[in-house]
Amino acid sequence: MPAPVSSPACAVVSPRDRLLDAALELFGSRGYQATGLRELAGHVGLYAGSIYNHVESKQSLLFELIEGALCALLADTQRRLHGAHTYREHLQRFIGTFVAFNLQHDHRLQLVTRELMHLTAEQRAQVNELKDAYTAILTRIVQSGCAVSIRNDQAAQIANAVIAMLCGQLLWRDIEGSSEERTRALTLLVEGMIACARRP
């Protein structure tokens, strides 16, 4: 008789993973500075003194969450862009990925947009490398939509402006609309920005 297969629902979650989940929730809802390690430890049923057995510091938790959010967004975007052929397909999939990620993981993006100042210079440099890689994807999409009539620096400026606009969705708590509806509306706005940039 084969051994029973354990259900994912019964999988044991390590104290460290529970700390990461608690940090995501508390940093996202209350803010990094307003959340202490003692509170984090209590949130997951650990003694305050034992928390350092699982994490190096509160700052290292924040960095891991921000880095993880950007890596996940970057990977999701690259995966969803695979198989796109036209400029509009690439643009819509890029925007759609961000919209879906924001709706599913709003706390993760809040940390990226709100708490970077609390990282060390070295940590910020690593985060900026990920942000640059993400922006470069959109810059190439913008350039493909503008053909040869736009400079690289202009395309990068548009890409950064679009990403800033997408991050503004974090304030959209009371606005109704599905992920698809938001994606369509934002895609039309971005296409308008790119069309204006094509003009001499």
C-alpha atoms as a PDB file:
ATOM      1  CA  MET A   1       0.000   0.000   0.000  1.00  0.00           C
ATOM      2  CA  PRO A   2       1.539   3.348  -1.030  1.00  0.00           C
ATOM      3  CA  ALA A   3       2.349   5.923   1.621  1.00  0.00           C
ATOM      4  CA  PRO A   4      -0.234   8.690   1.916  1.00  0.00           C
ATOM      5  CA  VAL A   5       0.614  11.896   0.095  1.00  0.00           C
ATOM      6  CA  SER A   6       0.624  14.901   2.385  1.00  0.00           C
ATOM      7  CA  SER A   7      -1.722  17.702   1.445  1.00  0.00           C
ATOM      8  CA  PRO A   8      -0.240  21.168   0.779  1.00  0.00           C
ATOM      9  CA  ALA A   9      -2.782  22.505   3.282  1.00  0.00           C
ATOM     10  CA  CYS A  10      -1.070  20.391   5.953  1.00  0.00           C
ATOM     11  CA  ALA A  11       2.446  21.558   5.068  1.00  0.00           C
ATOM     12  CA  VAL A  12       4.392  22.946   8.013  1.00  0.00           C
ATOM     13  CA  VAL A  13       5.219  26.638   7.668  1.00  0.00           C
ATOM     14  CA  SER A  14       8.574  27.539   9.184  1.00  0.00           C
ATOM     15  CA  PRO A  15       8.870  30.309  11.801  1.00  0.00           C
ATOM     16  CA  ARG A  16      10.912  32.314   9.313  1.00  0.00           C
ATOM     17  CA  ASP A  17       8.193  32.126   6.660  1.00  0.00           C
ATOM     18  CA  ARG A  18       5.612  33.103   9.264  1.00  0.00           C
ATOM     19  CA  LEU A  19       7.773  36.102  10.163  1.00  0.00           C
ATOM     20  CA  LEU A  20       7.962  37.138   6.522  1.00  0.00           C
ATOM     21  CA  ASP A  21       4.186  36.876   6.185  1.00  0.00           C
ATOM     22  CA  ALA A  22       3.658  38.883   9.365  1.00  0.00           C
ATOM     23  CA  ALA A  23       6.194  41.515   8.297  1.00  0.00           C
ATOM     24  CA  LEU A  24       4.453  41.869   4.931  1.00  0.00           C
ATOM     25  CA  GLU A  25       1.093  42.377   6.599  1.00  0.00           C
ATOM     26  CA  LEU A  26       2.278  44.742   9.334  1.00  0.00           C
ATOM     27  CA  PHE A  27       4.792  46.746   7.283  1.00  0.00           C
ATOM     28  CA  GLY A  28       2.171  47.097   4.552  1.00  0.00           C
ATOM     29  CA  SER A  29      -0.743  48.088   6.778  1.00  0.00           C
ATOM     30  CA  ARG A  30       1.000  50.046   9.558  1.00  0.00           C
ATOM     31  CA  GLY A  31       4.331  51.022   8.070  1.00  0.00           C
ATOM     32  CA  TYR A  32       7.888  49.822   8.634  1.00  0.00           C
ATOM     33  CA  GLN A  33       8.795  52.312  11.356  1.00  0.00           C
ATOM     34  CA  ALA A  34       5.560  51.738  13.273  1.00  0.00           C
ATOM     35  CA  THR A  35       6.216  47.989  13.542  1.00  0.00           C
ATOM     36  CA  GLY A  36       8.702  46.642  16.078  1.00  0.00           C
ATOM     37  CA  LEU A  37      10.437  43.280  16.155  1.00  0.00           C
ATOM     38  CA  ARG A  38       8.768  42.467  19.478  1.00  0.00           C
ATOM     39  CA  GLU A  39       5.370  42.998  17.846  1.00  0.00           C
ATOM     40  CA  LEU A  40       6.400  40.829  14.905  1.00  0.00           C
ATOM     41  CA  ALA A  41       7.522  38.064  17.220  1.00  0.00           C
ATOM     42  CA  GLY A  42       4.278  38.188  19.180  1.00  0.00           C
ATOM     43  CA  HIS A  43       2.272  38.133  15.960  1.00  0.00           C
ATOM     44  CA  VAL A  44       3.647  34.695  15.113  1.00  0.00           C
ATOM     45  CA  GLY A  45       3.871  33.327  18.659  1.00  0.00           C
ATOM     46  CA  LEU A  46       7.624  33.662  19.171  1.00  0.00           C
ATOM     47  CA  TYR A  47       9.531  35.072  22.122  1.00  0.00           C
ATOM     48  CA  ALA A  48      11.074  38.423  21.240  1.00  0.00           C
ATOM     49  CA  GLY A  49      14.567  37.182  22.040  1.00  0.00           C
ATOM     50  CA  SER A  50      14.288  34.202  19.725  1.00  0.00           C
ATOM     51  CA  ILE A  51      13.452  36.218  16.625  1.00  0.00           C
ATOM     52  CA  TYR A  52      17.149  36.596  15.780  1.00  0.00           C
ATOM     53  CA  ASN A  53      17.369  32.834  15.369  1.00  0.00           C
ATOM     54  CA  HIS A  54      15.271  33.273  12.237  1.00  0.00           C
ATOM     55  CA  VAL A  55      16.115  36.716  10.813  1.00  0.00           C
ATOM     56  CA  GLU A  56      19.147  38.976  10.883  1.00  0.00           C
ATOM     57  CA  SER A  57      17.219  42.199  11.522  1.00  0.00           C
ATOM     58  CA  LYS A  58      13.987  44.037  10.788  1.00  0.00           C
ATOM     59  CA  GLN A  59      15.759  45.816   7.948  1.00  0.00           C
ATOM     60  CA  SER A  60      16.803  42.512   6.376  1.00  0.00           C
ATOM     61  CA  LEU A  61      13.146  41.426   6.462  1.00  0.00           C
ATOM     62  CA  LEU A  62      12.127  44.599   4.650  1.00  0.00           C
ATOM     63  CA  PHE A  63      14.820  44.128   2.016  1.00  0.00           C
ATOM     64  CA  GLU A  64      13.845  40.511   1.430  1.00  0.00           C
ATOM     65  CA  LEU A  65      10.191  41.489   0.971  1.00  0.00           C
ATOM     66  CA  ILE A  66      10.962  44.334  -1.435  1.00  0.00           C
ATOM     67  CA  GLU A  67      13.465  42.290  -3.435  1.00  0.00           C
ATOM     68  CA  GLY A  68      11.018  39.370  -3.558  1.00  0.00           C
ATOM     69  CA  ALA A  69       8.190  41.608  -4.775  1.00  0.00           C
ATOM     70  CA  LEU A  70      10.264  43.063  -7.602  1.00  0.00           C
ATOM     71  CA  CYS A  71      11.663  39.669  -8.621  1.00  0.00           C
ATOM     72  CA  ALA A  72       8.149  38.226  -8.729  1.00  0.00           C
ATOM     73  CA  LEU A  73       6.794  41.157 -10.755  1.00  0.00           C
ATOM     74  CA  LEU A  74       9.719  40.953 -13.162  1.00  0.00           C
ATOM     75  CA  ALA A  75       9.320  37.186 -13.609  1.00  0.00           C
ATOM     76  CA  ASP A  76       5.529  37.456 -14.074  1.00  0.00           C
ATOM     77  CA  THR A  77       5.998  40.179 -16.673  1.00  0.00           C
ATOM     78  CA  GLN A  78       8.614  38.256 -18.650  1.00  0.00           C
ATOM     79  CA  ARG A  79       6.474  35.123 -18.572  1.00  0.00           C
ATOM     80  CA  ARG A  80       3.313  36.886 -19.747  1.00  0.00           C
ATOM     81  CA  LEU A  81       5.133  38.768 -22.505  1.00  0.00           C
ATOM     82  CA  HIS A  82       6.334  35.478 -23.957  1.00  0.00           C
ATOM     83  CA  GLY A  83       4.386  34.804 -27.131  1.00  0.00           C
ATOM     84  CA  ALA A  84       3.232  38.396 -27.648  1.00  0.00           C
ATOM     85  CA  HIS A  85       3.806  39.569 -31.215  1.00  0.00           C
ATOM     86  CA  THR A  86       2.526  43.094 -31.781  1.00  0.00           C
ATOM     87  CA  TYR A  87       3.431  46.308 -30.009  1.00  0.00           C
ATOM     88  CA  ARG A  88      -0.092  46.585 -28.575  1.00  0.00           C
ATOM     89  CA  GLU A  89      -0.003  42.995 -27.334  1.00  0.00           C
ATOM     90  CA  HIS A  90       3.266  43.646 -25.515  1.00  0.00           C
ATOM     91  CA  LEU A  91       1.965  46.875 -24.006  1.00  0.00           C
ATOM     92  CA  GLN A  92      -1.342  45.395 -22.883  1.00  0.00           C
ATOM     93  CA  ARG A  93       0.328  42.350 -21.336  1.00  0.00           C
ATOM     94  CA  PHE A  94       2.878  44.514 -19.517  1.00  0.00           C
ATOM     95  CA  ILE A  95       0.150  46.708 -18.053  1.00  0.00           C
ATOM     96  CA  GLY A  96      -2.151  43.766 -17.362  1.00  0.00           C
ATOM     97  CA  THR A  97       0.557  42.000 -15.390  1.00  0.00           C
ATOM     98  CA  PHE A  98       1.100  45.038 -13.197  1.00  0.00           C
ATOM     99  CA  VAL A  99      -2.626  45.540 -12.628  1.00  0.00           C
ATOM    100  CA  ALA A 100      -3.112  41.895 -11.631  1.00  0.00           C
ATOM    101  CA  PHE A 101      -0.047  41.954  -9.378  1.00  0.00           C
ATOM    102  CA  ASN A 102      -1.279  45.092  -7.656  1.00  0.00           C
ATOM    103  CA  LEU A 103      -4.726  43.637  -7.028  1.00  0.00           C
ATOM    104  CA  GLN A 104      -3.290  40.408  -5.618  1.00  0.00           C
ATOM    105  CA  HIS A 105      -0.256  41.771  -3.765  1.00  0.00           C
ATOM    106  CA  ASP A 106      -0.971  45.384  -2.836  1.00  0.00           C
ATOM    107  CA  HIS A 107       1.078  45.229   0.391  1.00  0.00           C
ATOM    108  CA  ARG A 108       4.134  44.074  -1.543  1.00  0.00           C
ATOM    109  CA  LEU A 109       3.975  47.044  -3.905  1.00  0.00           C
ATOM    110  CA  GLN A 110       3.335  49.430  -1.027  1.00  0.00           C
ATOM    111  CA  LEU A 111       6.679  48.407   0.431  1.00  0.00           C
ATOM    112  CA  VAL A 112       8.408  49.004  -2.911  1.00  0.00           C
ATOM    113  CA  THR A 113       6.932  52.489  -3.292  1.00  0.00           C
ATOM    114  CA  ARG A 114       6.903  53.619   0.339  1.00  0.00           C
ATOM    115  CA  GLU A 115       9.671  52.003   2.373  1.00  0.00           C
ATOM    116  CA  LEU A 116      12.810  52.083   0.204  1.00  0.00           C
ATOM    117  CA  MET A 117      14.283  54.891   2.297  1.00  0.00           C
ATOM    118  CA  HIS A 118      14.757  52.480   5.195  1.00  0.00           C
ATOM    119  CA  LEU A 119      17.161  50.241   3.272  1.00  0.00           C
ATOM    120  CA  THR A 120      20.944  50.548   3.291  1.00  0.00           C
ATOM    121  CA  ALA A 121      22.712  52.104   0.306  1.00  0.00           C
ATOM    122  CA  GLU A 122      23.845  48.645  -0.803  1.00  0.00           C
ATOM    123  CA  GLN A 123      20.325  47.230  -0.538  1.00  0.00           C
ATOM    124  CA  ARG A 124      18.886  50.183  -2.460  1.00  0.00           C
ATOM    125  CA  ALA A 125      21.464  49.638  -5.198  1.00  0.00           C
ATOM    126  CA  GLN A 126      20.324  46.012  -5.577  1.00  0.00           C
ATOM    127  CA  VAL A 127      16.682  47.085  -5.640  1.00  0.00           C
ATOM    128  CA  ASN A 128      17.455  49.747  -8.255  1.00  0.00           C
ATOM    129  CA  GLU A 129      19.036  47.110 -10.498  1.00  0.00           C
ATOM    130  CA  LEU A 130      15.752  45.193 -10.463  1.00  0.00           C
ATOM    131  CA  LYS A 131      13.747  48.365 -11.067  1.00  0.00           C
ATOM    132  CA  ASP A 132      16.029  49.272 -13.981  1.00  0.00           C
ATOM    133  CA  ALA A 133      15.559  45.814 -15.516  1.00  0.00           C
ATOM    134  CA  TYR A 134      11.786  46.187 -15.199  1.00  0.00           C
ATOM    135  CA  THR A 135      11.821  49.700 -16.689  1.00  0.00           C
ATOM    136  CA  ALA A 136      14.025  48.506 -19.558  1.00  0.00           C
ATOM    137  CA  ILE A 137      11.307  46.061 -20.629  1.00  0.00           C
ATOM    138  CA  LEU A 138       8.769  48.864 -20.955  1.00  0.00           C
ATOM    139  CA  THR A 139      11.319  51.166 -22.598  1.00  0.00           C
ATOM    140  CA  ARG A 140      11.778  48.602 -25.380  1.00  0.00           C
ATOM    141  CA  ILE A 141       8.003  48.298 -25.785  1.00  0.00           C
ATOM    142  CA  VAL A 142       7.668  52.089 -26.026  1.00  0.00           C
ATOM    143  CA  GLN A 143      10.434  52.229 -28.621  1.00  0.00           C
ATOM    144  CA  SER A 144       8.756  49.527 -30.680  1.00  0.00           C
ATOM    145  CA  GLY A 145       5.561  51.577 -30.665  1.00  0.00           C
ATOM    146  CA  CYS A 146       7.385  54.716 -31.707  1.00  0.00           C
ATOM    147  CA  ALA A 147       9.594  53.128 -34.370  1.00  0.00           C
ATOM    148  CA  VAL A 148      12.617  55.364 -35.051  1.00  0.00           C
ATOM    149  CA  SER A 149      10.966  58.701 -34.284  1.00  0.00           C
ATOM    150  CA  ILE A 150      11.829  58.735 -30.591  1.00  0.00           C
ATOM    151  CA  ARG A 151      15.169  58.833 -28.777  1.00  0.00           C
ATOM    152  CA  ASN A 152      16.125  56.220 -26.192  1.00  0.00           C
ATOM    153  CA  ASP A 153      16.104  58.777 -23.380  1.00  0.00           C
ATOM    154  CA  GLN A 154      12.596  59.887 -24.382  1.00  0.00           C
ATOM    155  CA  ALA A 155      11.388  56.290 -24.376  1.00  0.00           C
ATOM    156  CA  ALA A 156      12.922  55.788 -20.931  1.00  0.00           C
ATOM    157  CA  GLN A 157      11.190  58.940 -19.650  1.00  0.00           C
ATOM    158  CA  ILE A 158       7.840  57.693 -20.919  1.00  0.00           C
ATOM    159  CA  ALA A 159       8.451  54.260 -19.390  1.00  0.00           C
ATOM    160  CA  ASN A 160       9.236  55.797 -15.997  1.00  0.00           C
ATOM    161  CA  ALA A 161       6.153  58.029 -16.185  1.00  0.00           C
ATOM    162  CA  VAL A 162       3.959  55.045 -17.055  1.00  0.00           C
ATOM    163  CA  ILE A 163       5.322  52.981 -14.164  1.00  0.00           C
ATOM    164  CA  ALA A 164       4.719  55.884 -11.782  1.00  0.00           C
ATOM    165  CA  MET A 165       1.136  56.065 -13.045  1.00  0.00           C
ATOM    166  CA  LEU A 166       0.694  52.312 -12.589  1.00  0.00           C
ATOM    167  CA  CYS A 167       1.975  52.566  -9.015  1.00  0.00           C
ATOM    168  CA  GLY A 168      -0.768  55.134  -8.421  1.00  0.00           C
ATOM    169  CA  GLN A 169      -3.251  52.258  -8.521  1.00  0.00           C
ATOM    170  CA  LEU A 170      -2.367  51.693  -4.880  1.00  0.00           C
ATOM    171  CA  LEU A 171      -4.733  54.605  -4.200  1.00  0.00           C
ATOM    172  CA  TRP A 172      -7.571  53.062  -6.213  1.00  0.00           C
ATOM    173  CA  ARG A 173      -9.211  51.305  -3.287  1.00  0.00           C
ATOM    174  CA  ASP A 174     -12.712  52.657  -3.915  1.00  0.00           C
ATOM    175  CA  ILE A 175     -12.694  52.575  -7.703  1.00  0.00           C
ATOM    176  CA  GLU A 176     -14.757  49.785  -9.172  1.00  0.00           C
ATOM    177  CA  GLY A 177     -13.636  47.797 -12.172  1.00  0.00           C
ATOM    178  CA  SER A 178     -12.168  44.453 -12.994  1.00  0.00           C
ATOM    179  CA  SER A 179      -8.539  43.806 -13.760  1.00  0.00           C
ATOM    180  CA  GLU A 180      -9.431  43.649 -17.465  1.00  0.00           C
ATOM    181  CA  GLU A 181     -11.272  46.990 -17.347  1.00  0.00           C
ATOM    182  CA  ARG A 182      -8.390  48.700 -15.594  1.00  0.00           C
ATOM    183  CA  THR A 183      -5.937  47.221 -18.062  1.00  0.00           C
ATOM    184  CA  ARG A 184      -7.952  48.474 -21.047  1.00  0.00           C
ATOM    185  CA  ALA A 185      -8.281  51.983 -19.596  1.00  0.00           C
ATOM    186  CA  LEU A 186      -4.601  52.236 -18.705  1.00  0.00           C
ATOM    187  CA  THR A 187      -3.496  50.830 -22.054  1.00  0.00           C
ATOM    188  CA  LEU A 188      -5.498  53.527 -23.871  1.00  0.00           C
ATOM    189  CA  LEU A 189      -3.901  56.219 -21.691  1.00  0.00           C
ATOM    190  CA  VAL A 190      -0.402  54.920 -22.344  1.00  0.00           C
ATOM    191  CA  GLU A 191      -1.019  54.598 -26.075  1.00  0.00           C
ATOM    192  CA  GLY A 192      -2.046  58.244 -26.045  1.00  0.00           C
ATOM    193  CA  MET A 193       1.197  59.205 -24.298  1.00  0.00           C
ATOM    194  CA  ILE A 194       3.241  57.279 -26.837  1.00  0.00           C
ATOM    195  CA  ALA A 195       1.282  58.748 -29.764  1.00  0.00           C
ATOM    196  CA  CYS A 196       2.031  62.246 -28.494  1.00  0.00           C
ATOM    197  CA  ALA A 197       5.721  61.400 -28.194  1.00  0.00           C
ATOM    198  CA  ARG A 198       5.783  60.376 -31.871  1.00  0.00           C
ATOM    199  CA  ARG A 199       4.814  63.863 -32.991  1.00  0.00           C
ATOM    200  CA  PRO A 200       7.657  66.075 -34.231  1.00  0.00           C
END
